[in-house]
Amino acid sequence: MFIPLPPVAPSPAGFPVPALQHPNNHLRKLGAPYNPELPISVALGLISLQRGWKPGSKTWKRNWNACMNDEYDRLIGYRVANLATWQELCVKVGINDSFTSINQCKKALVRVHVNLVDLLDCWDADHTPTRFKSKKALATYTETHSKFFGRHIAKQDKVLRVLLRKIL
């Protein structure tokens, strides 16, 4: 099934305005137009529908993991040794305490159950991802919505390892 992407809006002078380049490297390579209002998972979902990738297939999983990894690197991964990054992460998941060390941030984040894909989806938005009361509730949500973040990627990263939960 082919779903057309939105047309390029004409400029006031009548010439087409080029689509903004997607800030996510993987989506840019796939030719995805950038719409800042679309969460990253939805943008990839539209591309996968256009290309006929069956959810759960090898091609879909490979592209999903590459997209999520690129998004994480773009937003967080390149500055993991920075206290400000850890403080920002705490705020993004709804912890508004003023921590003075990375260790304090880690201790606070260990008690938080949040879906990593949702975290990336709403990083630039004005809302926080859903915080679950238990690991079981997080697992149910993650399975139901197929919002998995590659465990092999998350285990290698200092920030993601703190938020990673073994749910399966």
N, C-alpha and C. Protein backbone atom coordinates (compact mmCIF):
# COMPACT_ATOMS: atom_id res chain seq x y z
N MET A 1 0.85 -1.17 0.00
CA MET A 1 0.00 0.00 0.00
C MET A 1 0.89 1.23 0.00
N PHE A 2 0.59 2.21 -0.81
CA PHE A 2 1.37 3.44 -0.91
C PHE A 2 0.58 4.58 -0.30
N ILE A 3 1.20 5.26 0.66
CA ILE A 3 0.58 6.42 1.28
C ILE A 3 1.39 7.63 0.85
N PRO A 4 0.77 8.56 0.15
CA PRO A 4 1.53 9.72 -0.32
C PRO A 4 1.93 10.62 0.84
N LEU A 5 3.12 11.19 0.73
CA LEU A 5 3.56 12.17 1.73
C LEU A 5 2.92 13.50 1.41
N PRO A 6 2.82 14.38 2.41
CA PRO A 6 2.20 15.67 2.15
C PRO A 6 2.96 16.43 1.07
N PRO A 7 2.25 17.17 0.21
CA PRO A 7 2.92 17.91 -0.85
C PRO A 7 3.76 19.05 -0.29
N VAL A 8 4.75 19.45 -1.05
CA VAL A 8 5.57 20.58 -0.67
C VAL A 8 4.75 21.84 -0.87
N ALA A 9 4.68 22.64 0.18
CA ALA A 9 3.87 23.86 0.12
C ALA A 9 4.55 24.91 -0.76
N PRO A 10 3.79 25.59 -1.61
CA PRO A 10 4.41 26.63 -2.43
C PRO A 10 4.75 27.84 -1.58
N SER A 11 5.81 28.51 -1.95
CA SER A 11 6.19 29.73 -1.24
C SER A 11 5.29 30.86 -1.70
N PRO A 12 5.33 32.01 -1.00
CA PRO A 12 4.50 33.14 -1.43
C PRO A 12 4.75 33.56 -2.88
N ALA A 13 5.97 33.34 -3.35
CA ALA A 13 6.29 33.71 -4.73
C ALA A 13 5.80 32.68 -5.73
N GLY A 14 5.25 31.56 -5.24
CA GLY A 14 4.72 30.54 -6.13
C GLY A 14 5.69 29.41 -6.42
N PHE A 15 6.94 29.50 -5.93
CA PHE A 15 7.91 28.44 -6.15
C PHE A 15 7.84 27.45 -5.00
N PRO A 16 8.02 26.16 -5.27
CA PRO A 16 7.96 25.18 -4.18
C PRO A 16 9.09 25.41 -3.17
N VAL A 17 8.75 25.25 -1.91
CA VAL A 17 9.73 25.37 -0.84
C VAL A 17 10.29 23.98 -0.60
N PRO A 18 11.61 23.82 -0.62
CA PRO A 18 12.16 22.48 -0.40
C PRO A 18 11.84 21.99 1.01
N ALA A 19 11.58 20.70 1.11
CA ALA A 19 11.28 20.11 2.42
C ALA A 19 12.51 20.24 3.32
N LEU A 20 12.26 20.47 4.59
CA LEU A 20 13.35 20.54 5.54
C LEU A 20 14.00 19.17 5.66
N GLN A 21 15.32 19.15 5.76
CA GLN A 21 16.00 17.88 5.93
C GLN A 21 15.71 17.33 7.31
N HIS A 22 15.47 16.05 7.37
CA HIS A 22 15.16 15.43 8.65
C HIS A 22 16.42 15.41 9.51
N PRO A 23 16.31 15.80 10.78
CA PRO A 23 17.50 15.80 11.64
C PRO A 23 17.98 14.39 11.99
N ASN A 24 17.13 13.38 11.86
CA ASN A 24 17.52 12.01 12.11
C ASN A 24 18.25 11.47 10.88
N ASN A 25 19.50 11.08 11.06
CA ASN A 25 20.33 10.64 9.93
C ASN A 25 19.69 9.51 9.14
N HIS A 26 19.12 8.54 9.83
CA HIS A 26 18.54 7.40 9.13
C HIS A 26 17.33 7.80 8.30
N LEU A 27 16.46 8.61 8.88
CA LEU A 27 15.28 9.05 8.13
C LEU A 27 15.68 9.96 6.97
N ARG A 28 16.73 10.74 7.15
CA ARG A 28 17.21 11.59 6.05
C ARG A 28 17.68 10.70 4.90
N LYS A 29 18.42 9.62 5.22
CA LYS A 29 18.89 8.69 4.18
C LYS A 29 17.73 8.03 3.45
N LEU A 30 16.63 7.80 4.18
CA LEU A 30 15.46 7.18 3.57
C LEU A 30 14.61 8.18 2.79
N GLY A 31 14.96 9.47 2.87
CA GLY A 31 14.23 10.50 2.13
C GLY A 31 12.97 10.98 2.81
N ALA A 32 12.89 10.81 4.13
CA ALA A 32 11.69 11.23 4.86
C ALA A 32 11.65 12.75 4.97
N PRO A 33 10.51 13.35 4.65
CA PRO A 33 10.39 14.80 4.87
C PRO A 33 10.31 15.07 6.37
N TYR A 34 10.72 16.23 6.78
CA TYR A 34 10.73 16.55 8.20
C TYR A 34 9.49 17.33 8.59
N ASN A 35 8.79 16.80 9.57
CA ASN A 35 7.66 17.49 10.18
C ASN A 35 7.94 17.48 11.67
N PRO A 36 8.29 18.64 12.25
CA PRO A 36 8.67 18.67 13.67
C PRO A 36 7.55 18.22 14.62
N GLU A 37 6.34 18.16 14.14
CA GLU A 37 5.22 17.73 15.00
C GLU A 37 5.05 16.21 15.04
N LEU A 38 5.73 15.50 14.14
CA LEU A 38 5.61 14.04 14.12
C LEU A 38 6.65 13.40 15.03
N PRO A 39 6.24 12.55 15.95
CA PRO A 39 7.22 11.79 16.73
C PRO A 39 8.06 10.92 15.80
N ILE A 40 9.25 10.61 16.23
CA ILE A 40 10.19 9.84 15.39
C ILE A 40 9.62 8.47 15.02
N SER A 41 8.91 7.83 15.95
CA SER A 41 8.36 6.50 15.65
C SER A 41 7.27 6.59 14.59
N VAL A 42 6.51 7.67 14.59
CA VAL A 42 5.46 7.85 13.58
C VAL A 42 6.08 8.14 12.22
N ALA A 43 7.13 8.97 12.20
CA ALA A 43 7.81 9.28 10.93
C ALA A 43 8.36 8.00 10.30
N LEU A 44 8.96 7.14 11.10
CA LEU A 44 9.46 5.88 10.56
C LEU A 44 8.30 4.99 10.14
N GLY A 45 7.21 5.01 10.91
CA GLY A 45 6.04 4.22 10.55
C GLY A 45 5.49 4.59 9.18
N LEU A 46 5.47 5.90 8.88
CA LEU A 46 4.99 6.34 7.57
C LEU A 46 5.91 5.85 6.44
N ILE A 47 7.20 5.93 6.67
CA ILE A 47 8.15 5.45 5.68
C ILE A 47 7.99 3.94 5.49
N SER A 48 7.81 3.21 6.59
CA SER A 48 7.67 1.76 6.46
C SER A 48 6.39 1.38 5.72
N LEU A 49 5.33 2.15 5.92
CA LEU A 49 4.10 1.90 5.16
C LEU A 49 4.32 2.18 3.68
N GLN A 50 4.99 3.27 3.39
CA GLN A 50 5.26 3.61 1.99
C GLN A 50 6.07 2.54 1.30
N ARG A 51 7.03 2.00 2.00
CA ARG A 51 7.94 1.03 1.39
C ARG A 51 7.45 -0.40 1.52
N GLY A 52 6.34 -0.59 2.21
CA GLY A 52 5.77 -1.92 2.33
C GLY A 52 6.51 -2.84 3.29
N TRP A 53 7.20 -2.27 4.28
CA TRP A 53 7.89 -3.09 5.27
C TRP A 53 6.87 -3.62 6.26
N LYS A 54 6.81 -4.90 6.37
CA LYS A 54 5.88 -5.52 7.30
C LYS A 54 6.42 -5.36 8.72
N PRO A 55 5.60 -4.79 9.64
CA PRO A 55 6.07 -4.65 11.02
C PRO A 55 6.54 -5.98 11.59
N GLY A 56 7.74 -5.96 12.16
CA GLY A 56 8.33 -7.18 12.72
C GLY A 56 9.25 -7.91 11.77
N SER A 57 9.23 -7.54 10.48
CA SER A 57 10.11 -8.20 9.51
C SER A 57 11.56 -7.79 9.76
N LYS A 58 12.50 -8.51 9.17
CA LYS A 58 13.92 -8.19 9.35
C LYS A 58 14.23 -6.78 8.86
N THR A 59 13.66 -6.42 7.72
CA THR A 59 13.90 -5.08 7.16
C THR A 59 13.34 -4.01 8.08
N TRP A 60 12.12 -4.23 8.57
CA TRP A 60 11.51 -3.27 9.48
C TRP A 60 12.33 -3.14 10.75
N LYS A 61 12.74 -4.26 11.37
CA LYS A 61 13.52 -4.23 12.61
C LYS A 61 14.86 -3.52 12.41
N ARG A 62 15.52 -3.83 11.30
CA ARG A 62 16.82 -3.21 11.01
C ARG A 62 16.67 -1.70 10.90
N ASN A 63 15.64 -1.25 10.19
CA ASN A 63 15.42 0.19 10.03
C ASN A 63 14.94 0.83 11.32
N TRP A 64 14.08 0.14 12.06
CA TRP A 64 13.60 0.65 13.36
C TRP A 64 14.80 0.88 14.29
N ASN A 65 15.65 -0.14 14.43
CA ASN A 65 16.79 -0.03 15.33
C ASN A 65 17.76 1.07 14.88
N ALA A 66 18.00 1.16 13.58
CA ALA A 66 18.90 2.20 13.07
C ALA A 66 18.34 3.59 13.33
N CYS A 67 17.05 3.75 13.13
CA CYS A 67 16.39 5.03 13.34
C CYS A 67 16.42 5.43 14.81
N MET A 68 16.07 4.50 15.70
CA MET A 68 16.05 4.80 17.13
C MET A 68 17.47 5.08 17.64
N ASN A 69 18.44 4.33 17.15
CA ASN A 69 19.82 4.55 17.56
C ASN A 69 20.30 5.94 17.10
N ASP A 70 19.99 6.30 15.87
CA ASP A 70 20.37 7.64 15.37
C ASP A 70 19.69 8.74 16.17
N GLU A 71 18.44 8.53 16.52
CA GLU A 71 17.71 9.55 17.28
C GLU A 71 18.30 9.70 18.68
N TYR A 72 18.62 8.59 19.29
CA TYR A 72 19.26 8.66 20.60
C TYR A 72 20.61 9.39 20.51
N ASP A 73 21.42 9.02 19.53
CA ASP A 73 22.72 9.68 19.37
C ASP A 73 22.57 11.17 19.14
N ARG A 74 21.56 11.55 18.37
CA ARG A 74 21.33 12.97 18.07
C ARG A 74 20.93 13.75 19.31
N LEU A 75 20.09 13.16 20.14
CA LEU A 75 19.53 13.89 21.28
C LEU A 75 20.36 13.79 22.56
N ILE A 76 20.93 12.62 22.80
CA ILE A 76 21.56 12.38 24.10
C ILE A 76 22.97 11.82 23.98
N GLY A 77 23.14 10.85 23.15
CA GLY A 77 24.34 10.02 23.14
C GLY A 77 25.67 10.72 22.99
N TYR A 78 25.71 11.82 22.31
CA TYR A 78 26.98 12.48 22.06
C TYR A 78 27.48 13.28 23.26
N ARG A 79 26.68 13.37 24.30
CA ARG A 79 27.08 14.18 25.46
C ARG A 79 26.77 13.50 26.80
N VAL A 80 27.06 12.20 26.88
CA VAL A 80 26.70 11.42 28.06
C VAL A 80 27.54 11.74 29.30
N ALA A 81 28.71 12.32 29.14
CA ALA A 81 29.57 12.62 30.28
C ALA A 81 29.24 13.98 30.91
N ASN A 82 28.22 14.62 30.42
CA ASN A 82 27.87 15.97 30.83
C ASN A 82 26.76 15.93 31.88
N LEU A 83 26.96 16.56 33.03
CA LEU A 83 25.95 16.61 34.08
C LEU A 83 24.66 17.24 33.57
N ALA A 84 24.76 18.26 32.74
CA ALA A 84 23.57 18.93 32.21
C ALA A 84 22.70 17.95 31.42
N THR A 85 23.31 17.01 30.71
CA THR A 85 22.55 16.01 29.96
C THR A 85 21.75 15.13 30.91
N TRP A 86 22.37 14.69 31.98
CA TRP A 86 21.69 13.85 32.96
C TRP A 86 20.57 14.61 33.65
N GLN A 87 20.81 15.88 33.95
CA GLN A 87 19.78 16.71 34.57
C GLN A 87 18.61 16.90 33.62
N GLU A 88 18.91 17.13 32.35
CA GLU A 88 17.86 17.29 31.33
C GLU A 88 17.05 16.00 31.20
N LEU A 89 17.73 14.86 31.23
CA LEU A 89 17.05 13.58 31.15
C LEU A 89 16.09 13.41 32.33
N CYS A 90 16.53 13.79 33.51
CA CYS A 90 15.66 13.71 34.69
C CYS A 90 14.41 14.56 34.49
N VAL A 91 14.58 15.76 33.99
CA VAL A 91 13.44 16.64 33.74
C VAL A 91 12.52 16.04 32.68
N LYS A 92 13.10 15.46 31.63
CA LYS A 92 12.30 14.88 30.54
C LYS A 92 11.42 13.74 31.02
N VAL A 93 11.85 13.01 32.06
CA VAL A 93 11.03 11.91 32.56
C VAL A 93 10.18 12.33 33.76
N GLY A 94 10.20 13.62 34.08
CA GLY A 94 9.31 14.14 35.11
C GLY A 94 9.91 14.25 36.50
N ILE A 95 11.23 14.16 36.62
CA ILE A 95 11.90 14.34 37.91
C ILE A 95 12.45 15.76 37.93
N ASN A 96 11.87 16.61 38.74
CA ASN A 96 12.24 18.02 38.71
C ASN A 96 13.09 18.45 39.90
N ASP A 97 13.82 17.52 40.51
CA ASP A 97 14.74 17.87 41.59
C ASP A 97 15.99 18.49 41.00
N SER A 98 16.72 19.21 41.83
CA SER A 98 17.97 19.80 41.34
C SER A 98 19.14 18.94 41.83
N PHE A 99 19.63 18.10 40.95
CA PHE A 99 20.72 17.20 41.27
C PHE A 99 22.05 17.89 40.98
N THR A 100 23.04 17.61 41.81
CA THR A 100 24.35 18.26 41.64
C THR A 100 25.42 17.30 41.15
N SER A 101 25.03 16.05 40.90
CA SER A 101 26.01 15.10 40.36
C SER A 101 25.31 14.10 39.44
N ILE A 102 26.11 13.50 38.59
CA ILE A 102 25.59 12.46 37.68
C ILE A 102 25.11 11.28 38.51
N ASN A 103 25.83 10.96 39.56
CA ASN A 103 25.45 9.83 40.41
C ASN A 103 24.06 10.03 41.03
N GLN A 104 23.75 11.24 41.48
CA GLN A 104 22.41 11.53 42.02
C GLN A 104 21.34 11.33 40.95
N CYS A 105 21.64 11.77 39.74
CA CYS A 105 20.69 11.58 38.63
C CYS A 105 20.46 10.10 38.37
N LYS A 106 21.53 9.33 38.33
CA LYS A 106 21.41 7.90 38.08
C LYS A 106 20.55 7.23 39.14
N LYS A 107 20.78 7.58 40.40
CA LYS A 107 19.99 6.98 41.48
C LYS A 107 18.51 7.30 41.35
N ALA A 108 18.19 8.51 40.91
CA ALA A 108 16.79 8.89 40.71
C ALA A 108 16.19 8.16 39.51
N LEU A 109 16.96 8.01 38.45
CA LEU A 109 16.45 7.39 37.22
C LEU A 109 16.26 5.88 37.34
N VAL A 110 17.00 5.24 38.23
CA VAL A 110 16.87 3.80 38.41
C VAL A 110 15.46 3.42 38.85
N ARG A 111 14.78 4.33 39.53
CA ARG A 111 13.43 4.06 40.03
C ARG A 111 12.34 4.41 39.01
N VAL A 112 12.73 4.89 37.84
CA VAL A 112 11.76 5.33 36.83
C VAL A 112 11.57 4.23 35.79
N HIS A 113 10.30 3.95 35.49
CA HIS A 113 9.95 2.99 34.43
C HIS A 113 9.32 3.77 33.30
N VAL A 114 10.07 3.93 32.21
CA VAL A 114 9.59 4.71 31.07
C VAL A 114 10.02 3.99 29.79
N ASN A 115 9.17 4.05 28.78
CA ASN A 115 9.49 3.44 27.50
C ASN A 115 10.51 4.33 26.77
N LEU A 116 11.62 3.75 26.35
CA LEU A 116 12.70 4.52 25.73
C LEU A 116 12.28 5.15 24.40
N VAL A 117 11.45 4.47 23.65
CA VAL A 117 10.97 5.03 22.37
C VAL A 117 10.08 6.24 22.66
N ASP A 118 9.21 6.13 23.65
CA ASP A 118 8.38 7.27 24.02
C ASP A 118 9.23 8.44 24.48
N LEU A 119 10.29 8.15 25.21
CA LEU A 119 11.20 9.21 25.65
C LEU A 119 11.78 9.96 24.46
N LEU A 120 12.24 9.22 23.45
CA LEU A 120 12.78 9.87 22.25
C LEU A 120 11.69 10.60 21.47
N ASP A 121 10.49 10.01 21.42
CA ASP A 121 9.38 10.63 20.70
C ASP A 121 9.01 12.00 21.27
N CYS A 122 9.08 12.13 22.57
CA CYS A 122 8.61 13.39 23.16
C CYS A 122 9.75 14.28 23.66
N TRP A 123 10.97 13.97 23.29
CA TRP A 123 12.12 14.75 23.76
C TRP A 123 11.98 16.23 23.42
N ASP A 124 11.57 16.54 22.20
CA ASP A 124 11.44 17.93 21.77
C ASP A 124 10.04 18.48 21.97
N ALA A 125 9.15 17.70 22.56
CA ALA A 125 7.76 18.13 22.77
C ALA A 125 7.61 18.74 24.17
N ASP A 126 6.44 19.25 24.43
CA ASP A 126 6.16 19.89 25.71
C ASP A 126 5.59 18.93 26.75
N HIS A 127 5.66 17.64 26.51
CA HIS A 127 5.12 16.69 27.47
C HIS A 127 6.16 15.63 27.82
N THR A 128 5.91 14.94 28.91
CA THR A 128 6.82 13.88 29.34
C THR A 128 6.25 12.53 28.95
N PRO A 129 7.11 11.54 28.78
CA PRO A 129 6.59 10.20 28.47
C PRO A 129 5.87 9.63 29.69
N THR A 130 5.02 8.68 29.44
CA THR A 130 4.29 8.03 30.52
C THR A 130 5.27 7.30 31.44
N ARG A 131 5.11 7.54 32.73
CA ARG A 131 5.90 6.80 33.72
C ARG A 131 5.01 5.70 34.28
N PHE A 132 5.53 4.49 34.27
CA PHE A 132 4.75 3.34 34.71
C PHE A 132 5.08 3.01 36.16
N LYS A 133 4.09 2.52 36.88
CA LYS A 133 4.26 2.22 38.30
C LYS A 133 5.14 1.00 38.53
N SER A 134 5.20 0.12 37.54
CA SER A 134 5.97 -1.11 37.72
C SER A 134 6.61 -1.53 36.40
N LYS A 135 7.58 -2.41 36.53
CA LYS A 135 8.24 -2.97 35.36
C LYS A 135 7.24 -3.80 34.54
N LYS A 136 6.31 -4.44 35.23
CA LYS A 136 5.30 -5.26 34.55
C LYS A 136 4.38 -4.38 33.69
N ALA A 137 3.97 -3.24 34.22
CA ALA A 137 3.12 -2.32 33.46
C ALA A 137 3.87 -1.80 32.24
N LEU A 138 5.15 -1.49 32.41
CA LEU A 138 5.99 -1.05 31.29
C LEU A 138 6.10 -2.15 30.24
N ALA A 139 6.30 -3.38 30.68
CA ALA A 139 6.42 -4.51 29.76
C ALA A 139 5.15 -4.70 28.95
N THR A 140 4.01 -4.62 29.61
CA THR A 140 2.71 -4.78 28.92
C THR A 140 2.54 -3.70 27.86
N TYR A 141 2.81 -2.47 28.23
CA TYR A 141 2.70 -1.35 27.29
C TYR A 141 3.65 -1.53 26.10
N THR A 142 4.90 -1.88 26.39
CA THR A 142 5.91 -2.02 25.35
C THR A 142 5.52 -3.10 24.36
N GLU A 143 5.05 -4.23 24.86
CA GLU A 143 4.64 -5.33 23.98
C GLU A 143 3.40 -4.96 23.18
N THR A 144 2.43 -4.36 23.83
CA THR A 144 1.17 -4.00 23.17
C THR A 144 1.40 -3.01 22.04
N HIS A 145 2.29 -2.05 22.24
CA HIS A 145 2.53 -1.00 21.25
C HIS A 145 3.76 -1.25 20.38
N SER A 146 4.44 -2.37 20.59
CA SER A 146 5.65 -2.73 19.83
C SER A 146 6.66 -1.59 19.81
N LYS A 147 6.92 -1.02 20.97
CA LYS A 147 7.87 0.08 21.07
C LYS A 147 9.12 -0.40 21.81
N PHE A 148 9.88 -1.22 21.12
CA PHE A 148 11.09 -1.79 21.70
C PHE A 148 12.30 -0.97 21.27
N PHE A 149 13.25 -0.85 22.17
CA PHE A 149 14.53 -0.22 21.86
C PHE A 149 15.56 -1.34 21.91
N GLY A 150 16.41 -1.44 20.90
CA GLY A 150 17.37 -2.53 20.81
C GLY A 150 18.21 -2.69 22.07
N ARG A 151 18.06 -3.82 22.74
CA ARG A 151 18.76 -4.07 23.99
C ARG A 151 20.27 -4.03 23.80
N HIS A 152 20.76 -4.57 22.69
CA HIS A 152 22.20 -4.58 22.45
C HIS A 152 22.76 -3.16 22.34
N ILE A 153 21.95 -2.23 21.87
CA ILE A 153 22.37 -0.83 21.78
C ILE A 153 22.32 -0.20 23.17
N ALA A 154 21.23 -0.42 23.88
CA ALA A 154 21.03 0.21 25.19
C ALA A 154 22.06 -0.26 26.21
N LYS A 155 22.46 -1.52 26.16
CA LYS A 155 23.40 -2.04 27.14
C LYS A 155 24.78 -1.41 27.01
N GLN A 156 25.11 -0.88 25.83
CA GLN A 156 26.43 -0.31 25.59
C GLN A 156 26.52 1.14 26.01
N ASP A 157 25.42 1.74 26.40
CA ASP A 157 25.40 3.16 26.67
C ASP A 157 25.16 3.44 28.15
N LYS A 158 25.91 4.39 28.71
CA LYS A 158 25.80 4.71 30.13
C LYS A 158 24.42 5.21 30.52
N VAL A 159 23.83 6.06 29.70
CA VAL A 159 22.53 6.64 30.02
C VAL A 159 21.42 5.60 29.85
N LEU A 160 21.41 4.96 28.73
CA LEU A 160 20.34 4.00 28.46
C LEU A 160 20.38 2.81 29.40
N ARG A 161 21.56 2.41 29.82
CA ARG A 161 21.67 1.29 30.74
C ARG A 161 20.93 1.58 32.05
N VAL A 162 20.92 2.83 32.48
CA VAL A 162 20.22 3.21 33.71
C VAL A 162 18.71 3.08 33.53
N LEU A 163 18.21 3.39 32.34
CA LEU A 163 16.77 3.33 32.08
C LEU A 163 16.30 1.97 31.55
N LEU A 164 17.24 1.12 31.15
CA LEU A 164 16.88 -0.16 30.56
C LEU A 164 16.29 -1.10 31.61
N ARG A 165 15.20 -1.74 31.25
CA ARG A 165 14.56 -2.74 32.13
C ARG A 165 14.41 -4.02 31.34
N LYS A 166 14.72 -5.12 31.99
CA LYS A 166 14.51 -6.43 31.35
C LYS A 166 13.04 -6.75 31.47
N ILE A 167 12.34 -6.70 30.34
CA ILE A 167 10.87 -6.85 30.39
C ILE A 167 10.37 -8.12 29.73
N LEU A 168 11.23 -8.83 29.04
CA LEU A 168 10.78 -10.07 28.41
C LEU A 168 11.53 -11.26 28.99
